[in-house]
Amino acid sequence: KSGFGDVTGDHWLGNEYLHQLTRGPAHYKLGVKLVDQDAATKLGEYDPFLVEDESAAYRLRLGLFQGTAQ
């Protein structure tokens, strides 16, 4: 819920903060980059993207996917 780690390095913002960021009138997209052991890269984007509130167990909502990571 609250996140962890060091914001100047590896960290997780936390589900509540992600909910607060994605709940407003703004429209968000989620970008994904995958790199395999041979350094081949695949990209993807979910549009829209949002995280529901605590009462919904911070359910992740993803819209349509576009990209090369199929």
PDB file of N, CA and C in Angstrom:
ATOM      1  N   LYS A   1       0.821  -1.194   0.000  1.00  0.00           N
ATOM      2  CA  LYS A   1       0.000   0.000   0.000  1.00  0.00           C
ATOM      3  C   LYS A   1       0.865   1.259   0.000  1.00  0.00           C
ATOM      4  N   SER A   2       1.889   1.296   0.839  1.00  0.00           N
ATOM      5  CA  SER A   2       2.664   2.517   1.043  1.00  0.00           C
ATOM      6  C   SER A   2       3.949   2.601   0.239  1.00  0.00           C
ATOM      7  N   GLY A   3       4.363   1.535  -0.390  1.00  0.00           N
ATOM      8  CA  GLY A   3       5.603   1.563  -1.151  1.00  0.00           C
ATOM      9  C   GLY A   3       6.808   1.276  -0.283  1.00  0.00           C
ATOM     10  N   PHE A   4       7.961   1.181  -0.932  1.00  0.00           N
ATOM     11  CA  PHE A   4       9.198   0.882  -0.216  1.00  0.00           C
ATOM     12  C   PHE A   4      10.389   1.213  -1.099  1.00  0.00           C
ATOM     13  N   GLY A   5      11.566   1.210  -0.507  1.00  0.00           N
ATOM     14  CA  GLY A   5      12.803   1.446  -1.238  1.00  0.00           C
ATOM     15  C   GLY A   5      13.228   2.897  -1.175  1.00  0.00           C
ATOM     16  N   ASP A   6      14.197   3.223  -1.995  1.00  0.00           N
ATOM     17  CA  ASP A   6      14.796   4.557  -2.056  1.00  0.00           C
ATOM     18  C   ASP A   6      14.444   5.176  -3.404  1.00  0.00           C
ATOM     19  N   VAL A   7      13.780   6.320  -3.399  1.00  0.00           N
ATOM     20  CA  VAL A   7      13.330   6.930  -4.662  1.00  0.00           C
ATOM     21  C   VAL A   7      14.479   7.326  -5.584  1.00  0.00           C
ATOM     22  N   THR A   8      15.700   7.364  -5.074  1.00  0.00           N
ATOM     23  CA  THR A   8      16.840   7.651  -5.940  1.00  0.00           C
ATOM     24  C   THR A   8      17.416   6.373  -6.544  1.00  0.00           C
ATOM     25  N   GLY A   9      16.851   5.226  -6.169  1.00  0.00           N
ATOM     26  CA  GLY A   9      17.297   3.930  -6.691  1.00  0.00           C
ATOM     27  C   GLY A   9      16.099   3.037  -6.931  1.00  0.00           C
ATOM     28  N   ASP A  10      16.248   1.782  -6.588  1.00  0.00           N
ATOM     29  CA  ASP A  10      15.143   0.832  -6.745  1.00  0.00           C
ATOM     30  C   ASP A  10      14.065   1.115  -5.715  1.00  0.00           C
ATOM     31  N   HIS A  11      12.826   1.180  -6.190  1.00  0.00           N
ATOM     32  CA  HIS A  11      11.722   1.448  -5.267  1.00  0.00           C
ATOM     33  C   HIS A  11      10.383   1.075  -5.900  1.00  0.00           C
ATOM     34  N   TRP A  12       9.374   1.019  -5.069  1.00  0.00           N
ATOM     35  CA  TRP A  12       7.987   0.826  -5.489  1.00  0.00           C
ATOM     36  C   TRP A  12       7.194   1.970  -4.884  1.00  0.00           C
ATOM     37  N   LEU A  13       6.466   2.720  -5.707  1.00  0.00           N
ATOM     38  CA  LEU A  13       5.705   3.872  -5.221  1.00  0.00           C
ATOM     39  C   LEU A  13       4.648   3.489  -4.199  1.00  0.00           C
ATOM     40  N   GLY A  14       4.048   2.343  -4.393  1.00  0.00           N
ATOM     41  CA  GLY A  14       2.957   1.914  -3.523  1.00  0.00           C
ATOM     42  C   GLY A  14       1.634   1.990  -4.256  1.00  0.00           C
ATOM     43  N   ASN A  15       0.748   1.070  -3.927  1.00  0.00           N
ATOM     44  CA  ASN A  15      -0.539   0.998  -4.612  1.00  0.00           C
ATOM     45  C   ASN A  15      -1.403   2.232  -4.375  1.00  0.00           C
ATOM     46  N   GLU A  16      -1.382   2.765  -3.157  1.00  0.00           N
ATOM     47  CA  GLU A  16      -2.214   3.944  -2.871  1.00  0.00           C
ATOM     48  C   GLU A  16      -1.754   5.146  -3.687  1.00  0.00           C
ATOM     49  N   TYR A  17      -0.452   5.348  -3.769  1.00  0.00           N
ATOM     50  CA  TYR A  17       0.070   6.473  -4.541  1.00  0.00           C
ATOM     51  C   TYR A  17      -0.248   6.296  -6.032  1.00  0.00           C
ATOM     52  N   LEU A  18      -0.112   5.075  -6.547  1.00  0.00           N
ATOM     53  CA  LEU A  18      -0.476   4.837  -7.948  1.00  0.00           C
ATOM     54  C   LEU A  18      -1.958   5.101  -8.182  1.00  0.00           C
ATOM     55  N   HIS A  19      -2.786   4.721  -7.224  1.00  0.00           N
ATOM     56  CA  HIS A  19      -4.219   5.020  -7.339  1.00  0.00           C
ATOM     57  C   HIS A  19      -4.440   6.532  -7.389  1.00  0.00           C
ATOM     58  N   GLN A  20      -3.810   7.260  -6.487  1.00  0.00           N
ATOM     59  CA  GLN A  20      -3.978   8.716  -6.452  1.00  0.00           C
ATOM     60  C   GLN A  20      -3.513   9.360  -7.760  1.00  0.00           C
ATOM     61  N   LEU A  21      -2.427   8.859  -8.325  1.00  0.00           N
ATOM     62  CA  LEU A  21      -1.914   9.405  -9.587  1.00  0.00           C
ATOM     63  C   LEU A  21      -2.847   9.145 -10.763  1.00  0.00           C
ATOM     64  N   THR A  22      -3.470   7.971 -10.785  1.00  0.00           N
ATOM     65  CA  THR A  22      -4.227   7.571 -11.977  1.00  0.00           C
ATOM     66  C   THR A  22      -5.731   7.778 -11.865  1.00  0.00           C
ATOM     67  N   ARG A  23      -6.227   8.274 -10.747  1.00  0.00           N
ATOM     68  CA  ARG A  23      -7.677   8.378 -10.557  1.00  0.00           C
ATOM     69  C   ARG A  23      -8.284   9.659 -11.104  1.00  0.00           C
ATOM     70  N   GLY A  24      -7.496  10.675 -11.297  1.00  0.00           N
ATOM     71  CA  GLY A  24      -8.021  11.983 -11.655  1.00  0.00           C
ATOM     72  C   GLY A  24      -8.569  12.063 -13.064  1.00  0.00           C
ATOM     73  N   PRO A  25      -8.859  13.269 -13.490  1.00  0.00           N
ATOM     74  CA  PRO A  25      -9.426  13.452 -14.824  1.00  0.00           C
ATOM     75  C   PRO A  25      -8.413  13.188 -15.942  1.00  0.00           C
ATOM     76  N   ALA A  26      -7.135  13.146 -15.594  1.00  0.00           N
ATOM     77  CA  ALA A  26      -6.109  12.900 -16.612  1.00  0.00           C
ATOM     78  C   ALA A  26      -6.201  11.458 -17.115  1.00  0.00           C
ATOM     79  N   HIS A  27      -5.701  11.238 -18.294  1.00  0.00           N
ATOM     80  CA  HIS A  27      -5.717   9.932 -18.957  1.00  0.00           C
ATOM     81  C   HIS A  27      -4.281   9.411 -18.967  1.00  0.00           C
ATOM     82  N   TYR A  28      -4.055   8.207 -18.445  1.00  0.00           N
ATOM     83  CA  TYR A  28      -2.706   7.656 -18.364  1.00  0.00           C
ATOM     84  C   TYR A  28      -2.542   6.434 -19.243  1.00  0.00           C
ATOM     85  N   LYS A  29      -1.318   6.253 -19.738  1.00  0.00           N
ATOM     86  CA  LYS A  29      -0.911   5.071 -20.480  1.00  0.00           C
ATOM     87  C   LYS A  29       0.217   4.410 -19.693  1.00  0.00           C
ATOM     88  N   LEU A  30       0.317   3.095 -19.799  1.00  0.00           N
ATOM     89  CA  LEU A  30       1.387   2.351 -19.142  1.00  0.00           C
ATOM     90  C   LEU A  30       2.298   1.771 -20.203  1.00  0.00           C
ATOM     91  N   GLY A  31       3.567   2.156 -20.163  1.00  0.00           N
ATOM     92  CA  GLY A  31       4.555   1.622 -21.093  1.00  0.00           C
ATOM     93  C   GLY A  31       5.315   0.473 -20.462  1.00  0.00           C
ATOM     94  N   VAL A  32       5.570  -0.557 -21.264  1.00  0.00           N
ATOM     95  CA  VAL A  32       6.294  -1.736 -20.800  1.00  0.00           C
ATOM     96  C   VAL A  32       7.444  -2.006 -21.762  1.00  0.00           C
ATOM     97  N   LYS A  33       8.629  -2.237 -21.190  1.00  0.00           N
ATOM     98  CA  LYS A  33       9.801  -2.590 -21.986  1.00  0.00           C
ATOM     99  C   LYS A  33      10.351  -3.900 -21.449  1.00  0.00           C
ATOM    100  N   LEU A  34      10.472  -4.890 -22.327  1.00  0.00           N
ATOM    101  CA  LEU A  34      11.009  -6.196 -21.956  1.00  0.00           C
ATOM    102  C   LEU A  34      12.313  -6.418 -22.709  1.00  0.00           C
ATOM    103  N   VAL A  35      13.343  -6.852 -21.992  1.00  0.00           N
ATOM    104  CA  VAL A  35      14.637  -7.148 -22.602  1.00  0.00           C
ATOM    105  C   VAL A  35      15.007  -8.574 -22.225  1.00  0.00           C
ATOM    106  N   ASP A  36      15.242  -9.422 -23.229  1.00  0.00           N
ATOM    107  CA  ASP A  36      15.578 -10.812 -22.917  1.00  0.00           C
ATOM    108  C   ASP A  36      17.081 -10.982 -22.729  1.00  0.00           C
ATOM    109  N   GLN A  37      17.509 -12.213 -22.474  1.00  0.00           N
ATOM    110  CA  GLN A  37      18.916 -12.487 -22.176  1.00  0.00           C
ATOM    111  C   GLN A  37      19.839 -12.209 -23.352  1.00  0.00           C
ATOM    112  N   ASP A  38      19.296 -12.128 -24.570  1.00  0.00           N
ATOM    113  CA  ASP A  38      20.085 -11.802 -25.756  1.00  0.00           C
ATOM    114  C   ASP A  38      20.021 -10.317 -26.099  1.00  0.00           C
ATOM    115  N   ALA A  39      19.473  -9.522 -25.199  1.00  0.00           N
ATOM    116  CA  ALA A  39      19.327  -8.069 -25.346  1.00  0.00           C
ATOM    117  C   ALA A  39      18.306  -7.677 -26.412  1.00  0.00           C
ATOM    118  N   ALA A  40      17.455  -8.604 -26.817  1.00  0.00           N
ATOM    119  CA  ALA A  40      16.363  -8.259 -27.738  1.00  0.00           C
ATOM    120  C   ALA A  40      15.289  -7.528 -26.936  1.00  0.00           C
ATOM    121  N   THR A  41      14.795  -6.441 -27.491  1.00  0.00           N
ATOM    122  CA  THR A  41      13.838  -5.590 -26.790  1.00  0.00           C
ATOM    123  C   THR A  41      12.455  -5.686 -27.422  1.00  0.00           C
ATOM    124  N   LYS A  42      11.451  -5.757 -26.564  1.00  0.00           N
ATOM    125  CA  LYS A  42      10.052  -5.714 -26.981  1.00  0.00           C
ATOM    126  C   LYS A  42       9.385  -4.582 -26.212  1.00  0.00           C
ATOM    127  N   LEU A  43       8.515  -3.853 -26.878  1.00  0.00           N
ATOM    128  CA  LEU A  43       7.836  -2.717 -26.265  1.00  0.00           C
ATOM    129  C   LEU A  43       6.330  -2.896 -26.331  1.00  0.00           C
ATOM    130  N   GLY A  44       5.662  -2.319 -25.365  1.00  0.00           N
ATOM    131  CA  GLY A  44       4.211  -2.362 -25.365  1.00  0.00           C
ATOM    132  C   GLY A  44       3.633  -1.175 -24.622  1.00  0.00           C
ATOM    133  N   GLU A  45       2.360  -0.913 -24.881  1.00  0.00           N
ATOM    134  CA  GLU A  45       1.674   0.188 -24.219  1.00  0.00           C
ATOM    135  C   GLU A  45       0.215  -0.197 -23.991  1.00  0.00           C
ATOM    136  N   TYR A  46      -0.249   0.020 -22.769  1.00  0.00           N
ATOM    137  CA  TYR A  46      -1.656  -0.181 -22.425  1.00  0.00           C
ATOM    138  C   TYR A  46      -2.313   1.189 -22.299  1.00  0.00           C
ATOM    139  N   ASP A  47      -3.444   1.353 -22.961  1.00  0.00           N
ATOM    140  CA  ASP A  47      -4.128   2.640 -22.961  1.00  0.00           C
ATOM    141  C   ASP A  47      -5.631   2.400 -22.868  1.00  0.00           C
ATOM    142  N   PRO A  48      -6.254   2.823 -21.793  1.00  0.00           N
ATOM    143  CA  PRO A  48      -5.739   3.530 -20.616  1.00  0.00           C
ATOM    144  C   PRO A  48      -5.205   2.566 -19.552  1.00  0.00           C
ATOM    145  N   PHE A  49      -4.676   3.171 -18.488  1.00  0.00           N
ATOM    146  CA  PHE A  49      -4.119   2.452 -17.348  1.00  0.00           C
ATOM    147  C   PHE A  49      -4.578   3.164 -16.086  1.00  0.00           C
ATOM    148  N   LEU A  50      -5.068   2.400 -15.111  1.00  0.00           N
ATOM    149  CA  LEU A  50      -5.395   2.993 -13.811  1.00  0.00           C
ATOM    150  C   LEU A  50      -5.379   1.927 -12.729  1.00  0.00           C
ATOM    151  N   VAL A  51      -5.223   2.389 -11.499  1.00  0.00           N
ATOM    152  CA  VAL A  51      -5.240   1.525 -10.323  1.00  0.00           C
ATOM    153  C   VAL A  51      -6.425   1.960  -9.470  1.00  0.00           C
ATOM    154  N   GLU A  52      -7.310   1.008  -9.161  1.00  0.00           N
ATOM    155  CA  GLU A  52      -8.484   1.319  -8.344  1.00  0.00           C
ATOM    156  C   GLU A  52      -8.078   1.519  -6.884  1.00  0.00           C
ATOM    157  N   ASP A  53      -9.039   1.919  -6.043  1.00  0.00           N
ATOM    158  CA  ASP A  53      -8.740   2.232  -4.642  1.00  0.00           C
ATOM    159  C   ASP A  53      -8.639   0.978  -3.765  1.00  0.00           C
ATOM    160  N   GLU A  54      -8.346   1.204  -2.486  1.00  0.00           N
ATOM    161  CA  GLU A  54      -8.138   0.103  -1.545  1.00  0.00           C
ATOM    162  C   GLU A  54      -9.373  -0.784  -1.414  1.00  0.00           C
ATOM    163  N   SER A  55     -10.573  -0.184  -1.456  1.00  0.00           N
ATOM    164  CA  SER A  55     -11.796  -0.984  -1.325  1.00  0.00           C
ATOM    165  C   SER A  55     -11.962  -1.972  -2.481  1.00  0.00           C
ATOM    166  N   ALA A  56     -11.301  -1.721  -3.596  1.00  0.00           N
ATOM    167  CA  ALA A  56     -11.313  -2.632  -4.749  1.00  0.00           C
ATOM    168  C   ALA A  56     -10.023  -3.445  -4.815  1.00  0.00           C
ATOM    169  N   ALA A  57      -9.282  -3.477  -3.688  1.00  0.00           N
ATOM    170  CA  ALA A  57      -8.024  -4.239  -3.581  1.00  0.00           C
ATOM    171  C   ALA A  57      -6.976  -3.764  -4.592  1.00  0.00           C
ATOM    172  N   TYR A  58      -6.994  -2.461  -4.900  1.00  0.00           N
ATOM    173  CA  TYR A  58      -6.042  -1.852  -5.835  1.00  0.00           C
ATOM    174  C   TYR A  58      -6.000  -2.605  -7.167  1.00  0.00           C
ATOM    175  N   ARG A  59      -7.174  -2.943  -7.668  1.00  0.00           N
ATOM    176  CA  ARG A  59      -7.285  -3.662  -8.937  1.00  0.00           C
ATOM    177  C   ARG A  59      -6.636  -2.851 -10.056  1.00  0.00           C
ATOM    178  N   LEU A  60      -5.849  -3.520 -10.863  1.00  0.00           N
ATOM    179  CA  LEU A  60      -5.191  -2.912 -12.010  1.00  0.00           C
ATOM    180  C   LEU A  60      -6.126  -2.988 -13.206  1.00  0.00           C
ATOM    181  N   ARG A  61      -6.377  -1.851 -13.838  1.00  0.00           N
ATOM    182  CA  ARG A  61      -7.225  -1.794 -15.037  1.00  0.00           C
ATOM    183  C   ARG A  61      -6.351  -1.416 -16.228  1.00  0.00           C
ATOM    184  N   LEU A  62      -6.338  -2.287 -17.219  1.00  0.00           N
ATOM    185  CA  LEU A  62      -5.544  -2.053 -18.418  1.00  0.00           C
ATOM    186  C   LEU A  62      -6.462  -2.019 -19.628  1.00  0.00           C
ATOM    187  N   GLY A  63      -6.232  -1.040 -20.490  1.00  0.00           N
ATOM    188  CA  GLY A  63      -7.011  -0.934 -21.715  1.00  0.00           C
ATOM    189  C   GLY A  63      -6.362  -1.708 -22.841  1.00  0.00           C
ATOM    190  N   LEU A  64      -6.538  -1.224 -24.038  1.00  0.00           N
ATOM    191  CA  LEU A  64      -6.020  -1.896 -25.221  1.00  0.00           C
ATOM    192  C   LEU A  64      -4.503  -1.923 -25.224  1.00  0.00           C
ATOM    193  N   PHE A  65      -3.951  -3.025 -25.719  1.00  0.00           N
ATOM    194  CA  PHE A  65      -2.501  -3.190 -25.822  1.00  0.00           C
ATOM    195  C   PHE A  65      -2.067  -2.960 -27.254  1.00  0.00           C
ATOM    196  N   GLN A  66      -0.967  -2.236 -27.407  1.00  0.00           N
ATOM    197  CA  GLN A  66      -0.311  -2.080 -28.704  1.00  0.00           C
ATOM    198  C   GLN A  66       1.173  -2.223 -28.469  1.00  0.00           C
ATOM    199  N   GLY A  67       1.861  -2.870 -29.395  1.00  0.00           N
ATOM    200  CA  GLY A  67       3.299  -2.985 -29.255  1.00  0.00           C
ATOM    201  C   GLY A  67       3.850  -4.232 -29.907  1.00  0.00           C
ATOM    202  N   THR A  68       5.133  -4.464 -29.653  1.00  0.00           N
ATOM    203  CA  THR A  68       5.840  -5.590 -30.254  1.00  0.00           C
ATOM    204  C   THR A  68       5.953  -6.777 -29.312  1.00  0.00           C
ATOM    205  N   ALA A  69       5.554  -6.626 -28.066  1.00  0.00           N
ATOM    206  CA  ALA A  69       5.642  -7.708 -27.071  1.00  0.00           C
ATOM    207  C   ALA A  69       4.387  -8.564 -27.137  1.00  0.00           C
ATOM    208  N   GLN A  70       4.282  -9.384 -28.173  1.00  0.00           N
ATOM    209  CA  GLN A  70       3.056 -10.174 -28.364  1.00  0.00           C
ATOM    210  C   GLN A  70       3.315 -11.639 -28.138  1.00  0.00           C
TER     211      GLN A  70
END
